[in-house]
């Protein structure tokens, strides 16, 4: 259902979001390096980090997001 690129990006997201478990594993990182450029990997990591920080602000402050 997902492309290889999408599967790796989703795996990166899962591992980075669950950083207390073990974070982004070397295996996943190396798989990403086989598909993405260093610049693309950096962009993916930043996007994951931004989304996670939004969540970490939203949950404790009970923010409600309206759908447009």
PDB file of N, CA and C in Angstrom:
ATOM      1  N   UNK A   1       0.808  -1.183   0.000  1.00  0.00           N
ATOM      2  CA  UNK A   1       0.000   0.000   0.000  1.00  0.00           C
ATOM      3  C   UNK A   1       0.863   1.262   0.000  1.00  0.00           C
ATOM      4  N   UNK A   2       1.950   1.263   0.757  1.00  0.00           N
ATOM      5  CA  UNK A   2       2.847   2.412   0.813  1.00  0.00           C
ATOM      6  C   UNK A   2       4.094   2.119  -0.014  1.00  0.00           C
ATOM      7  N   UNK A   3       4.687   3.171  -0.546  1.00  0.00           N
ATOM      8  CA  UNK A   3       5.957   3.013  -1.252  1.00  0.00           C
ATOM      9  C   UNK A   3       7.059   2.744  -0.227  1.00  0.00           C
ATOM     10  N   UNK A   4       8.209   2.302  -0.705  1.00  0.00           N
ATOM     11  CA  UNK A   4       9.341   2.067   0.197  1.00  0.00           C
ATOM     12  C   UNK A   4       9.744   3.360   0.901  1.00  0.00           C
ATOM     13  N   UNK A   5       9.727   4.470   0.181  1.00  0.00           N
ATOM     14  CA  UNK A   5      10.062   5.762   0.780  1.00  0.00           C
ATOM     15  C   UNK A   5       9.092   6.107   1.909  1.00  0.00           C
ATOM     16  N   UNK A   6       7.813   5.895   1.658  1.00  0.00           N
ATOM     17  CA  UNK A   6       6.795   6.189   2.681  1.00  0.00           C
ATOM     18  C   UNK A   6       6.953   5.276   3.892  1.00  0.00           C
ATOM     19  N   UNK A   7       7.229   4.000   3.651  1.00  0.00           N
ATOM     20  CA  UNK A   7       7.400   3.059   4.771  1.00  0.00           C
ATOM     21  C   UNK A   7       8.575   3.455   5.655  1.00  0.00           C
ATOM     22  N   UNK A   8       9.671   3.863   5.032  1.00  0.00           N
ATOM     23  CA  UNK A   8      10.839   4.261   5.823  1.00  0.00           C
ATOM     24  C   UNK A   8      10.560   5.560   6.585  1.00  0.00           C
ATOM     25  N   UNK A   9       9.911   6.525   5.934  1.00  0.00           N
ATOM     26  CA  UNK A   9       9.571   7.777   6.620  1.00  0.00           C
ATOM     27  C   UNK A   9       8.631   7.514   7.791  1.00  0.00           C
ATOM     28  N   UNK A  10       7.679   6.617   7.610  1.00  0.00           N
ATOM     29  CA  UNK A  10       6.770   6.264   8.709  1.00  0.00           C
ATOM     30  C   UNK A  10       7.523   5.559   9.836  1.00  0.00           C
ATOM     31  N   UNK A  11       8.462   4.690   9.491  1.00  0.00           N
ATOM     32  CA  UNK A  11       9.266   4.011  10.520  1.00  0.00           C
ATOM     33  C   UNK A  11      10.117   5.024  11.277  1.00  0.00           C
ATOM     34  N   UNK A  12      10.693   5.977  10.559  1.00  0.00           N
ATOM     35  CA  UNK A  12      11.462   7.034  11.215  1.00  0.00           C
ATOM     36  C   UNK A  12      10.568   7.810  12.178  1.00  0.00           C
ATOM     37  N   UNK A  13       9.358   8.123  11.727  1.00  0.00           N
ATOM     38  CA  UNK A  13       8.414   8.863  12.570  1.00  0.00           C
ATOM     39  C   UNK A  13       8.100   8.085  13.833  1.00  0.00           C
ATOM     40  N   UNK A  14       7.807   6.807  13.684  1.00  0.00           N
ATOM     41  CA  UNK A  14       7.474   5.960  14.839  1.00  0.00           C
ATOM     42  C   UNK A  14       8.640   5.914  15.824  1.00  0.00           C
ATOM     43  N   UNK A  15       9.830   5.674  15.316  1.00  0.00           N
ATOM     44  CA  UNK A  15      10.987   5.550  16.201  1.00  0.00           C
ATOM     45  C   UNK A  15      11.348   6.874  16.865  1.00  0.00           C
ATOM     46  N   UNK A  16      11.258   7.967  16.137  1.00  0.00           N
ATOM     47  CA  UNK A  16      11.576   9.270  16.736  1.00  0.00           C
ATOM     48  C   UNK A  16      10.519   9.704  17.734  1.00  0.00           C
ATOM     49  N   UNK A  17       9.257   9.345  17.481  1.00  0.00           N
ATOM     50  CA  UNK A  17       8.183   9.702  18.407  1.00  0.00           C
ATOM     51  C   UNK A  17       8.315   8.901  19.695  1.00  0.00           C
ATOM     52  N   UNK A  18       8.774   7.676  19.595  1.00  0.00           N
ATOM     53  CA  UNK A  18       8.970   6.813  20.766  1.00  0.00           C
ATOM     54  C   UNK A  18      10.450   6.830  21.171  1.00  0.00           C
ATOM     55  N   UNK A  19      10.983   8.017  21.289  1.00  0.00           N
ATOM     56  CA  UNK A  19      12.421   8.173  21.536  1.00  0.00           C
ATOM     57  C   UNK A  19      12.859   7.527  22.851  1.00  0.00           C
ATOM     58  N   UNK A  20      11.978   7.427  23.826  1.00  0.00           N
ATOM     59  CA  UNK A  20      12.338   6.805  25.100  1.00  0.00           C
ATOM     60  C   UNK A  20      12.574   5.307  24.941  1.00  0.00           C
ATOM     61  N   UNK A  21      11.983   4.693  23.927  1.00  0.00           N
ATOM     62  CA  UNK A  21      12.197   3.257  23.705  1.00  0.00           C
ATOM     63  C   UNK A  21      13.620   2.994  23.218  1.00  0.00           C
ATOM     64  N   UNK A  22      14.007   3.604  22.128  1.00  0.00           N
ATOM     65  CA  UNK A  22      15.372   3.493  21.623  1.00  0.00           C
ATOM     66  C   UNK A  22      15.696   4.558  20.576  1.00  0.00           C
ATOM     67  N   UNK A  23      14.718   5.336  20.194  1.00  0.00           N
ATOM     68  CA  UNK A  23      14.952   6.396  19.222  1.00  0.00           C
ATOM     69  C   UNK A  23      15.137   5.850  17.816  1.00  0.00           C
ATOM     70  N   UNK A  24      15.663   6.662  16.964  1.00  0.00           N
ATOM     71  CA  UNK A  24      15.897   6.279  15.574  1.00  0.00           C
ATOM     72  C   UNK A  24      17.035   5.269  15.543  1.00  0.00           C
ATOM     73  N   UNK A  25      16.722   4.054  15.136  1.00  0.00           N
ATOM     74  CA  UNK A  25      17.733   2.994  15.146  1.00  0.00           C
ATOM     75  C   UNK A  25      18.706   3.165  13.986  1.00  0.00           C
ATOM     76  N   UNK A  26      19.863   2.604  14.167  1.00  0.00           N
ATOM     77  CA  UNK A  26      20.883   2.624  13.116  1.00  0.00           C
ATOM     78  C   UNK A  26      20.370   1.900  11.870  1.00  0.00           C
ATOM     79  N   UNK A  27      19.642   0.820  12.070  1.00  0.00           N
ATOM     80  CA  UNK A  27      19.095   0.060  10.938  1.00  0.00           C
ATOM     81  C   UNK A  27      18.150   0.920  10.093  1.00  0.00           C
ATOM     82  N   UNK A  28      17.233   1.612  10.753  1.00  0.00           N
ATOM     83  CA  UNK A  28      16.291   2.462  10.027  1.00  0.00           C
ATOM     84  C   UNK A  28      17.012   3.618   9.363  1.00  0.00           C
ATOM     85  N   UNK A  29      17.969   4.202  10.066  1.00  0.00           N
ATOM     86  CA  UNK A  29      18.735   5.314   9.506  1.00  0.00           C
ATOM     87  C   UNK A  29      19.494   4.874   8.250  1.00  0.00           C
ATOM     88  N   UNK A  30      20.106   3.714   8.297  1.00  0.00           N
ATOM     89  CA  UNK A  30      20.849   3.216   7.138  1.00  0.00           C
ATOM     90  C   UNK A  30      19.910   2.892   5.972  1.00  0.00           C
ATOM     91  N   UNK A  31      18.726   2.370   6.275  1.00  0.00           N
ATOM     92  CA  UNK A  31      17.745   2.132   5.214  1.00  0.00           C
ATOM     93  C   UNK A  31      17.340   3.451   4.571  1.00  0.00           C
ATOM     94  N   UNK A  32      17.154   4.484   5.386  1.00  0.00           N
ATOM     95  CA  UNK A  32      16.797   5.809   4.862  1.00  0.00           C
ATOM     96  C   UNK A  32      17.924   6.349   3.990  1.00  0.00           C
ATOM     97  N   UNK A  33      19.168   6.163   4.412  1.00  0.00           N
ATOM     98  CA  UNK A  33      20.309   6.645   3.632  1.00  0.00           C
ATOM     99  C   UNK A  33      20.402   5.959   2.278  1.00  0.00           C
ATOM    100  N   UNK A  34      19.849   4.756   2.174  1.00  0.00           N
ATOM    101  CA  UNK A  34      19.850   4.044   0.910  1.00  0.00           C
ATOM    102  C   UNK A  34      18.824   4.580  -0.081  1.00  0.00           C
ATOM    103  N   UNK A  35      17.891   5.373   0.399  1.00  0.00           N
ATOM    104  CA  UNK A  35      16.812   5.887  -0.447  1.00  0.00           C
ATOM    105  C   UNK A  35      16.838   7.406  -0.564  1.00  0.00           C
ATOM    106  N   UNK A  36      17.093   8.088   0.554  1.00  0.00           N
ATOM    107  CA  UNK A  36      17.034   9.546   0.597  1.00  0.00           C
ATOM    108  C   UNK A  36      18.435  10.148   0.599  1.00  0.00           C
ATOM    109  N   UNK A  37      18.536  11.397   0.146  1.00  0.00           N
ATOM    110  CA  UNK A  37      19.792  12.133   0.277  1.00  0.00           C
ATOM    111  C   UNK A  37      19.927  12.600   1.725  1.00  0.00           C
ATOM    112  N   UNK A  38      21.116  13.044   2.096  1.00  0.00           N
ATOM    113  CA  UNK A  38      21.312  13.576   3.449  1.00  0.00           C
ATOM    114  C   UNK A  38      20.385  14.764   3.696  1.00  0.00           C
ATOM    115  N   UNK A  39      20.220  15.601   2.682  1.00  0.00           N
ATOM    116  CA  UNK A  39      19.342  16.761   2.807  1.00  0.00           C
ATOM    117  C   UNK A  39      17.890  16.323   3.039  1.00  0.00           C
ATOM    118  N   UNK A  40      17.436  15.318   2.310  1.00  0.00           N
ATOM    119  CA  UNK A  40      16.069  14.828   2.493  1.00  0.00           C
ATOM    120  C   UNK A  40      15.876  14.210   3.874  1.00  0.00           C
ATOM    121  N   UNK A  41      16.871  13.474   4.344  1.00  0.00           N
ATOM    122  CA  UNK A  41      16.790  12.896   5.695  1.00  0.00           C
ATOM    123  C   UNK A  41      16.685  14.006   6.730  1.00  0.00           C
ATOM    124  N   UNK A  42      17.473  15.051   6.567  1.00  0.00           N
ATOM    125  CA  UNK A  42      17.404  16.185   7.498  1.00  0.00           C
ATOM    126  C   UNK A  42      16.016  16.816   7.474  1.00  0.00           C
ATOM    127  N   UNK A  43      15.440  16.978   6.293  1.00  0.00           N
ATOM    128  CA  UNK A  43      14.097  17.550   6.180  1.00  0.00           C
ATOM    129  C   UNK A  43      13.055  16.667   6.866  1.00  0.00           C
ATOM    130  N   UNK A  44      13.161  15.364   6.692  1.00  0.00           N
ATOM    131  CA  UNK A  44      12.225  14.433   7.332  1.00  0.00           C
ATOM    132  C   UNK A  44      12.354  14.521   8.847  1.00  0.00           C
ATOM    133  N   UNK A  45      13.587  14.532   9.346  1.00  0.00           N
ATOM    134  CA  UNK A  45      13.816  14.603  10.798  1.00  0.00           C
ATOM    135  C   UNK A  45      13.256  15.900  11.370  1.00  0.00           C
ATOM    136  N   UNK A  46      13.480  17.011  10.691  1.00  0.00           N
ATOM    137  CA  UNK A  46      12.949  18.294  11.170  1.00  0.00           C
ATOM    138  C   UNK A  46      11.419  18.266  11.164  1.00  0.00           C
ATOM    139  N   UNK A  47      10.811  17.751  10.104  1.00  0.00           N
ATOM    140  CA  UNK A  47       9.345  17.687  10.042  1.00  0.00           C
ATOM    141  C   UNK A  47       8.782  16.838  11.174  1.00  0.00           C
ATOM    142  N   UNK A  48       9.398  15.698  11.431  1.00  0.00           N
ATOM    143  CA  UNK A  48       8.950  14.834  12.533  1.00  0.00           C
ATOM    144  C   UNK A  48       9.088  15.577  13.865  1.00  0.00           C
ATOM    145  N   UNK A  49      10.212  16.253  14.058  1.00  0.00           N
ATOM    146  CA  UNK A  49      10.434  16.993  15.301  1.00  0.00           C
ATOM    147  C   UNK A  49       9.416  18.100  15.505  1.00  0.00           C
ATOM    148  N   UNK A  50       9.100  18.833  14.455  1.00  0.00           N
ATOM    149  CA  UNK A  50       8.127  19.930  14.559  1.00  0.00           C
ATOM    150  C   UNK A  50       6.748  19.392  14.921  1.00  0.00           C
ATOM    151  N   UNK A  51       6.330  18.333  14.247  1.00  0.00           N
ATOM    152  CA  UNK A  51       5.020  17.747  14.542  1.00  0.00           C
ATOM    153  C   UNK A  51       4.975  17.249  15.982  1.00  0.00           C
ATOM    154  N   UNK A  52       6.055  16.627  16.431  1.00  0.00           N
ATOM    155  CA  UNK A  52       6.085  16.131  17.815  1.00  0.00           C
ATOM    156  C   UNK A  52       6.043  17.264  18.833  1.00  0.00           C
ATOM    157  N   UNK A  53       6.717  18.369  18.560  1.00  0.00           N
ATOM    158  CA  UNK A  53       6.675  19.479  19.519  1.00  0.00           C
ATOM    159  C   UNK A  53       5.295  20.108  19.555  1.00  0.00           C
ATOM    160  N   UNK A  54       4.608  20.196  18.406  1.00  0.00           N
ATOM    161  CA  UNK A  54       3.230  20.698  18.411  1.00  0.00           C
ATOM    162  C   UNK A  54       2.370  19.834  19.328  1.00  0.00           C
ATOM    163  N   UNK A  55       2.540  18.524  19.215  1.00  0.00           N
ATOM    164  CA  UNK A  55       1.763  17.601  20.042  1.00  0.00           C
ATOM    165  C   UNK A  55       2.100  17.787  21.519  1.00  0.00           C
ATOM    166  N   UNK A  56       3.365  18.002  21.815  1.00  0.00           N
ATOM    167  CA  UNK A  56       3.761  18.152  23.213  1.00  0.00           C
ATOM    168  C   UNK A  56       3.290  19.466  23.830  1.00  0.00           C
ATOM    169  N   UNK A  57       3.004  20.456  23.009  1.00  0.00           N
ATOM    170  CA  UNK A  57       2.369  21.679  23.499  1.00  0.00           C
ATOM    171  C   UNK A  57       0.856  21.493  23.595  1.00  0.00           C
ATOM    172  N   UNK A  58       0.274  20.827  22.629  1.00  0.00           N
ATOM    173  CA  UNK A  58      -1.178  20.710  22.540  1.00  0.00           C
ATOM    174  C   UNK A  58      -1.764  19.828  23.644  1.00  0.00           C
ATOM    175  N   UNK A  59      -1.152  18.709  23.929  1.00  0.00           N
ATOM    176  CA  UNK A  59      -1.727  17.767  24.889  1.00  0.00           C
ATOM    177  C   UNK A  59      -1.822  18.367  26.298  1.00  0.00           C
ATOM    178  N   UNK A  60      -0.748  18.894  26.881  1.00  0.00           N
ATOM    179  CA  UNK A  60      -0.867  19.399  28.245  1.00  0.00           C
ATOM    180  C   UNK A  60      -1.699  20.671  28.373  1.00  0.00           C
ATOM    181  N   UNK A  61      -1.841  21.417  27.281  1.00  0.00           N
ATOM    182  CA  UNK A  61      -2.624  22.648  27.345  1.00  0.00           C
ATOM    183  C   UNK A  61      -4.068  22.431  26.889  1.00  0.00           C
ATOM    184  N   UNK A  62      -4.390  21.181  26.565  1.00  0.00           N
ATOM    185  CA  UNK A  62      -5.758  20.808  26.150  1.00  0.00           C
ATOM    186  C   UNK A  62      -6.243  21.638  24.965  1.00  0.00           C
ATOM    187  N   UNK A  63      -5.343  21.879  24.029  1.00  0.00           N
ATOM    188  CA  UNK A  63      -5.708  22.650  22.845  1.00  0.00           C
ATOM    189  C   UNK A  63      -6.718  21.866  22.007  1.00  0.00           C
ATOM    190  N   UNK A  64      -7.650  22.582  21.462  1.00  0.00           N
ATOM    191  CA  UNK A  64      -8.653  21.981  20.588  1.00  0.00           C
ATOM    192  C   UNK A  64      -8.389  22.502  19.186  1.00  0.00           C
ATOM    193  N   UNK A  65      -8.283  21.594  18.256  1.00  0.00           N
ATOM    194  CA  UNK A  65      -8.049  21.966  16.866  1.00  0.00           C
ATOM    195  C   UNK A  65      -9.336  21.842  16.101  1.00  0.00           C
ATOM    196  N   UNK A  66      -9.702  22.922  15.460  1.00  0.00           N
ATOM    197  CA  UNK A  66     -10.913  22.915  14.644  1.00  0.00           C
ATOM    198  C   UNK A  66     -10.565  22.491  13.239  1.00  0.00           C
ATOM    199  N   UNK A  67     -11.447  21.725  12.667  1.00  0.00           N
ATOM    200  CA  UNK A  67     -11.251  21.326  11.279  1.00  0.00           C
ATOM    201  C   UNK A  67     -11.877  22.373  10.374  1.00  0.00           C
ATOM    202  N   UNK A  68     -11.195  22.656   9.306  1.00  0.00           N
ATOM    203  CA  UNK A  68     -11.676  23.661   8.383  1.00  0.00           C
ATOM    204  C   UNK A  68     -12.468  23.019   7.272  1.00  0.00           C
TER     205      UNK A  68
END
